[in-house]
């Protein structure tokens, strides 16, 4: 048995309980072990970060290298440039790799174009001040000479005429001569976007006003909503400002490289293939878990806590293949929340209940700031610590979350209850462990047994199907 991997540390934020109240971490519980992604799948890609030295210089090196093939000649010394980022990148691998890519972008643009008017515009979802916290935490306010700004979907908007009508972007995103789309490729809310136009998604999310952003989740549903992002990006207005894109390329093991291009759709094709390849096996393996206790133990809102490079919201939907576009709506999306009755059962055919393998959830450490009562209502949940319960009770987006929960004084008490009433000793910990996953010994055994079968199934059966559904021939991807 390997020792557990050190979990991501608690972080101070107005959206989470004071780190001082996080007394114990689930990885330190008796009987916990870890599995490296490389232990599960031998063809898992080599990573550039994390590395043995925690050396971020490799991120700078790979970013500079990727940008060599990018045309920046449209940017003149007198022009302004907005480097557009997203809050999700700062939750990956501690946030430092994404921040380093953003710093390198600023340096290279200034060096190659001569302009000094380079700003950072970091978009966010429903935690309106979160990117302001990240900008200060990673020193981006100073690095950008005071020109770094967090933008929220309630900020002043700007009308964008598209093929499907008028949609609304955030004005501060587009208040420069040129924009650079700086993002990351982890699959994140694959239950929403289904790995369709993943690279284009931020144009209707991180960079859009709430009216158009909501279209992604509700009005059109998670399948049709991909049109909104593409429509905004393809608009004459956005195309007149778009210079190039730069992505931190992710895998369940960590960062594997940096991709940059003037053509976002070429990047999108490459990232689609990589996303299916890198994440398809781990998500398929998680679907093989027959029963488990989930521990939330990561500095993010409930659905966004990480294990094995994927978020908890993905695991709640892993009783279906979310990559398979023949499948109906996943068990969890904002769109499907409305189709469950008080008994938790779907109201209409074709909607699956949340992953029945989840027998109990222990909320040891996770933030508010995102509507999460749906999760505690559908899965038996224990919150560790009155302070954490009180914090969530004051979150306007989670007034009902703790109403569906038990409250335990300590993590050990919560786990004793979960073992007894969950009826299993299999535990998976969503704590952001880098390079692997922290689990109980019994679950480690199951995953190691199932991994060879999953490896063969994804390579021989699922991957060709997923690519075919998206009209992609990997041999012709540029």
Foldseek 3Di string as FASTA:
>chain_A
DAQDFDFDQADDDLFWFDSVLLPDDPSPDPQKHWDFVCLLPVVFFDAPPPDPVSDLVVLLVQLVVQCVPFDPPVAAQVFAEEEEEEPVCCQANNRQSLVSSVLSVLVVNCVPHVHLRYAYEYFYALLQCRVVVVCVVNVVCVSNPNRYDYGYLAADWDWFQFPVGTFIWHVVQQPTQAYEYEYAQQCEPCLQQLLAQSLLVCQQGRGGHPVSVVCSFADLGSHVNVVSSVRRCPTPSNVSHYRKYKYQYAALQHTHGMHIYSDSVLVSQVSSLVNCVRVVLVLLLLLLQQAAEEEEAAEAAQQAQAFSRYGNVSSQQSVDRSNQPVQARTLDTSHQLVQADQVQHGNDPRHHGTDPRHLEYEYSIYTDSAQDLSPLSRHAYEYEDPSRVVSQCPPPNRVCNCVSYHYHPHPVVVVVVCCVRSVDQWYWYRRNRHSITMIGPVVVVSSSVCSVVSNCCSVPPVSVNSCVVNVHDPVPRD
